[in-house]
C-alpha atoms as a PDB file:
ATOM      1  CA  MET A   1      -0.005   0.014  -0.017  1.00  0.00           C
ATOM      2  CA  GLN A   2       1.406   3.381  -0.996  1.00  0.00           C
ATOM      3  CA  ARG A   3       1.197   6.048   1.655  1.00  0.00           C
ATOM      4  CA  ALA A   4       0.762   9.751   1.006  1.00  0.00           C
ATOM      5  CA  PRO A   5       3.807  11.806   1.927  1.00  0.00           C
ATOM      6  CA  ILE A   6       3.748  13.810   5.135  1.00  0.00           C
ATOM      7  CA  LEU A   7       2.905  17.431   4.417  1.00  0.00           C
ATOM      8  CA  ALA A   8       6.020  19.430   5.006  1.00  0.00           C
ATOM      9  CA  HIS A   9       6.072  22.890   6.539  1.00  0.00           C
ATOM     10  CA  GLY A  10       8.094  25.428   4.678  1.00  0.00           C
ATOM     11  CA  PRO A  11       8.167  27.309   1.451  1.00  0.00           C
ATOM     12  CA  GLY A  12       7.370  25.482  -1.707  1.00  0.00           C
ATOM     13  CA  PRO A  13       9.332  25.579  -4.897  1.00  0.00           C
ATOM     14  CA  THR A  14       9.721  28.985  -6.444  1.00  0.00           C
ATOM     15  CA  GLY A  15      10.339  30.134  -9.956  1.00  0.00           C
ATOM     16  CA  SER A  16       6.886  30.060 -11.464  1.00  0.00           C
ATOM     17  CA  ALA A  17       5.194  33.415 -11.834  1.00  0.00           C
ATOM     18  CA  ALA A  18       1.864  31.784 -10.916  1.00  0.00           C
ATOM     19  CA  ASP A  19       3.357  30.518  -7.639  1.00  0.00           C
ATOM     20  CA  LEU A  20       4.260  34.068  -6.666  1.00  0.00           C
ATOM     21  CA  SER A  21       1.105  35.793  -7.778  1.00  0.00           C
ATOM     22  CA  GLU A  22      -1.621  33.479  -6.510  1.00  0.00           C
ATOM     23  CA  PRO A  23      -2.630  33.450  -2.861  1.00  0.00           C
ATOM     24  CA  VAL A  24      -2.506  29.640  -2.830  1.00  0.00           C
ATOM     25  CA  ASP A  25      -0.116  27.426  -4.788  1.00  0.00           C
ATOM     26  CA  LEU A  26      -2.510  24.677  -5.729  1.00  0.00           C
ATOM     27  CA  GLN A  27       0.256  22.673  -7.423  1.00  0.00           C
ATOM     28  CA  HIS A  28       1.948  22.391  -4.060  1.00  0.00           C
ATOM     29  CA  LEU A  29      -1.159  20.869  -2.508  1.00  0.00           C
ATOM     30  CA  ARG A  30      -1.764  18.582  -5.491  1.00  0.00           C
ATOM     31  CA  ARG A  31       1.610  16.912  -4.990  1.00  0.00           C
ATOM     32  CA  TYR A  32       0.334  15.624  -1.658  1.00  0.00           C
ATOM     33  CA  THR A  33      -3.192  14.736  -2.773  1.00  0.00           C
ATOM     34  CA  PHE A  34      -2.050  13.042  -5.984  1.00  0.00           C
ATOM     35  CA  GLY A  35      -4.602  15.230  -7.804  1.00  0.00           C
ATOM     36  CA  ASP A  36      -7.581  13.963  -5.782  1.00  0.00           C
ATOM     37  CA  GLN A  37      -9.869  17.007  -6.005  1.00  0.00           C
ATOM     38  CA  ALA A  38     -12.278  15.694  -3.361  1.00  0.00           C
ATOM     39  CA  LEU A  39      -9.400  15.427  -0.920  1.00  0.00           C
ATOM     40  CA  GLU A  40      -8.141  18.886  -1.904  1.00  0.00           C
ATOM     41  CA  LYS A  41     -11.608  20.356  -1.260  1.00  0.00           C
ATOM     42  CA  GLU A  42     -11.817  18.675   2.109  1.00  0.00           C
ATOM     43  CA  ILE A  43      -8.346  19.875   3.157  1.00  0.00           C
ATOM     44  CA  LEU A  44      -8.997  23.424   1.950  1.00  0.00           C
ATOM     45  CA  SER A  45     -12.429  23.513   3.658  1.00  0.00           C
ATOM     46  CA  LEU A  46     -10.773  22.508   6.929  1.00  0.00           C
ATOM     47  CA  PHE A  47      -8.039  25.065   6.320  1.00  0.00           C
ATOM     48  CA  MET A  48     -10.564  27.873   5.830  1.00  0.00           C
ATOM     49  CA  THR A  49     -12.370  26.865   9.030  1.00  0.00           C
ATOM     50  CA  GLN A  50      -9.096  26.843  10.921  1.00  0.00           C
ATOM     51  CA  LEU A  51      -8.213  30.283   9.596  1.00  0.00           C
ATOM     52  CA  SER A  52     -11.104  31.954  11.366  1.00  0.00           C
ATOM     53  CA  GLU A  53     -10.395  30.005  14.571  1.00  0.00           C
ATOM     54  CA  THR A  54      -6.723  30.948  14.492  1.00  0.00           C
ATOM     55  CA  ILE A  55      -7.438  34.611  13.829  1.00  0.00           C
ATOM     56  CA  ALA A  56      -9.830  34.536  16.791  1.00  0.00           C
ATOM     57  CA  ALA A  57      -6.998  33.046  18.905  1.00  0.00           C
ATOM     58  CA  LEU A  58      -4.699  35.886  17.832  1.00  0.00           C
ATOM     59  CA  ARG A  59      -7.328  38.449  18.783  1.00  0.00           C
ATOM     60  CA  ALA A  60      -7.859  36.731  22.155  1.00  0.00           C
ATOM     61  CA  ALA A  61      -4.168  36.311  22.955  1.00  0.00           C
ATOM     62  CA  ALA A  62      -3.482  37.358  26.514  1.00  0.00           C
ATOM     63  CA  ASN A  63       0.287  36.889  26.538  1.00  0.00           C
ATOM     64  CA  GLN A  64       3.359  36.241  24.389  1.00  0.00           C
ATOM     65  CA  LYS A  65       2.884  32.457  24.449  1.00  0.00           C
ATOM     66  CA  ASP A  66      -0.739  32.610  23.241  1.00  0.00           C
ATOM     67  CA  TRP A  67       0.249  35.000  20.463  1.00  0.00           C
ATOM     68  CA  LYS A  68       3.199  32.900  19.277  1.00  0.00           C
ATOM     69  CA  VAL A  69       1.267  29.637  19.367  1.00  0.00           C
ATOM     70  CA  ALA A  70      -1.564  31.097  17.274  1.00  0.00           C
ATOM     71  CA  ALA A  71       0.783  32.722  14.781  1.00  0.00           C
ATOM     72  CA  HIS A  72       2.928  29.579  14.534  1.00  0.00           C
ATOM     73  CA  THR A  73      -0.140  27.402  14.006  1.00  0.00           C
ATOM     74  CA  LEU A  74      -1.301  29.738  11.250  1.00  0.00           C
ATOM     75  CA  LYS A  75       2.123  29.758   9.579  1.00  0.00           C
ATOM     76  CA  GLY A  76       2.313  25.978   9.550  1.00  0.00           C
ATOM     77  CA  SER A  77      -1.148  25.357   8.174  1.00  0.00           C
ATOM     78  CA  CYS A  78      -0.667  27.975   5.476  1.00  0.00           C
ATOM     79  CA  ARG A  79       2.615  26.524   4.299  1.00  0.00           C
ATOM     80  CA  THR A  80       1.152  23.017   4.334  1.00  0.00           C
ATOM     81  CA  VAL A  81      -1.584  23.866   1.820  1.00  0.00           C
ATOM     82  CA  GLY A  82       0.525  26.261  -0.247  1.00  0.00           C
ATOM     83  CA  ALA A  83      -0.764  29.599   1.093  1.00  0.00           C
ATOM     84  CA  PHE A  84       2.789  30.908   1.225  1.00  0.00           C
ATOM     85  CA  GLN A  85       2.001  34.640   1.160  1.00  0.00           C
ATOM     86  CA  LEU A  86      -0.281  34.275   4.185  1.00  0.00           C
ATOM     87  CA  GLY A  87       2.261  32.004   5.837  1.00  0.00           C
ATOM     88  CA  ASP A  88       4.913  34.689   5.463  1.00  0.00           C
ATOM     89  CA  ILE A  89       2.627  37.257   7.094  1.00  0.00           C
ATOM     90  CA  ALA A  90       1.975  34.800   9.956  1.00  0.00           C
ATOM     91  CA  GLN A  91       5.750  34.338  10.321  1.00  0.00           C
ATOM     92  CA  ASP A  92       6.174  38.095  10.632  1.00  0.00           C
ATOM     93  CA  ALA A  93       3.430  38.127  13.316  1.00  0.00           C
ATOM     94  CA  GLU A  94       5.120  35.256  15.144  1.00  0.00           C
ATOM     95  CA  LYS A  95       8.275  37.349  15.485  1.00  0.00           C
ATOM     96  CA  LEU A  96       6.468  40.278  17.108  1.00  0.00           C
ATOM     97  CA  THR A  97       6.742  41.026  20.790  1.00  0.00           C
ATOM     98  CA  PHE A  98       3.167  40.673  21.999  1.00  0.00           C
ATOM     99  CA  ASN A  99       1.493  43.615  23.667  1.00  0.00           C
ATOM    100  CA  ALA A 100      -2.315  43.520  23.816  1.00  0.00           C
ATOM    101  CA  GLY A 101      -3.728  46.270  21.688  1.00  0.00           C
ATOM    102  CA  SER A 102      -0.385  47.398  20.355  1.00  0.00           C
ATOM    103  CA  GLU A 103      -0.320  48.971  16.932  1.00  0.00           C
ATOM    104  CA  ALA A 104       2.062  46.260  15.660  1.00  0.00           C
ATOM    105  CA  CYS A 105      -0.190  43.403  16.778  1.00  0.00           C
ATOM    106  CA  THR A 106      -3.324  45.143  15.477  1.00  0.00           C
ATOM    107  CA  GLU A 107      -1.612  45.763  12.128  1.00  0.00           C
ATOM    108  CA  ALA A 108      -0.472  42.114  11.933  1.00  0.00           C
ATOM    109  CA  ILE A 109      -4.007  40.900  12.482  1.00  0.00           C
ATOM    110  CA  SER A 110      -5.300  43.309   9.822  1.00  0.00           C
ATOM    111  CA  ARG A 111      -2.690  42.026   7.301  1.00  0.00           C
ATOM    112  CA  ILE A 112      -3.590  38.425   8.174  1.00  0.00           C
ATOM    113  CA  GLU A 113      -7.292  39.133   7.690  1.00  0.00           C
ATOM    114  CA  LEU A 114      -6.723  40.775   4.334  1.00  0.00           C
ATOM    115  CA  ALA A 115      -4.550  37.923   3.075  1.00  0.00           C
ATOM    116  CA  THR A 116      -7.010  35.384   4.505  1.00  0.00           C
ATOM    117  CA  ALA A 117      -9.874  36.991   2.576  1.00  0.00           C
ATOM    118  CA  GLU A 118      -7.817  36.835  -0.636  1.00  0.00           C
ATOM    119  CA  ALA A 119      -6.808  33.209  -0.053  1.00  0.00           C
ATOM    120  CA  CYS A 120     -10.346  32.115   0.786  1.00  0.00           C
ATOM    121  CA  ALA A 121     -11.815  33.893  -2.262  1.00  0.00           C
ATOM    122  CA  PHE A 122      -9.205  32.204  -4.444  1.00  0.00           C
ATOM    123  CA  ILE A 123      -9.956  28.779  -2.951  1.00  0.00           C
ATOM    124  CA  ARG A 124     -13.739  29.245  -3.243  1.00  0.00           C
ATOM    125  CA  ASN A 125     -13.343  30.317  -6.870  1.00  0.00           C
ATOM    126  CA  ALA A 126     -10.929  27.502  -7.764  1.00  0.00           C
ATOM    127  CA  TYR A 127     -13.034  24.748  -6.172  1.00  0.00           C
ATOM    128  CA  GLY A 128     -16.550  26.161  -6.281  1.00  0.00           C
ATOM    129  CA  LEU A 129     -16.779  26.163  -2.489  1.00  0.00           C
ATOM    130  CA  SER A 130     -19.256  28.331  -0.648  1.00  0.00           C
END
């Protein structure tokens, strides 16, 4: 029985203009799903659900640990599915020194929300998800 590879965290291959311009590198995900669109839809639906939960965790962070865990979780899930632009923004947020209500943390959440909206719209359009 052939097993699917473990989804790696980290940037995907670069070089393609499409990889750099799209909010989600679908070819990256397809390497792990072997082109199974039903599986891709399921993974991306779970990803979109997790995005809202993780953003809520960032907003609710009460200390540095909470902030870093939420940002790190977001970074990892983004890179797993090929949402590298959003993953990079999450990485930037992870590096911040947390201070509830600080301008830097508020700005990071705003950038994450904007990139999340773009990624989700792209996914919904690509897979016909609602």
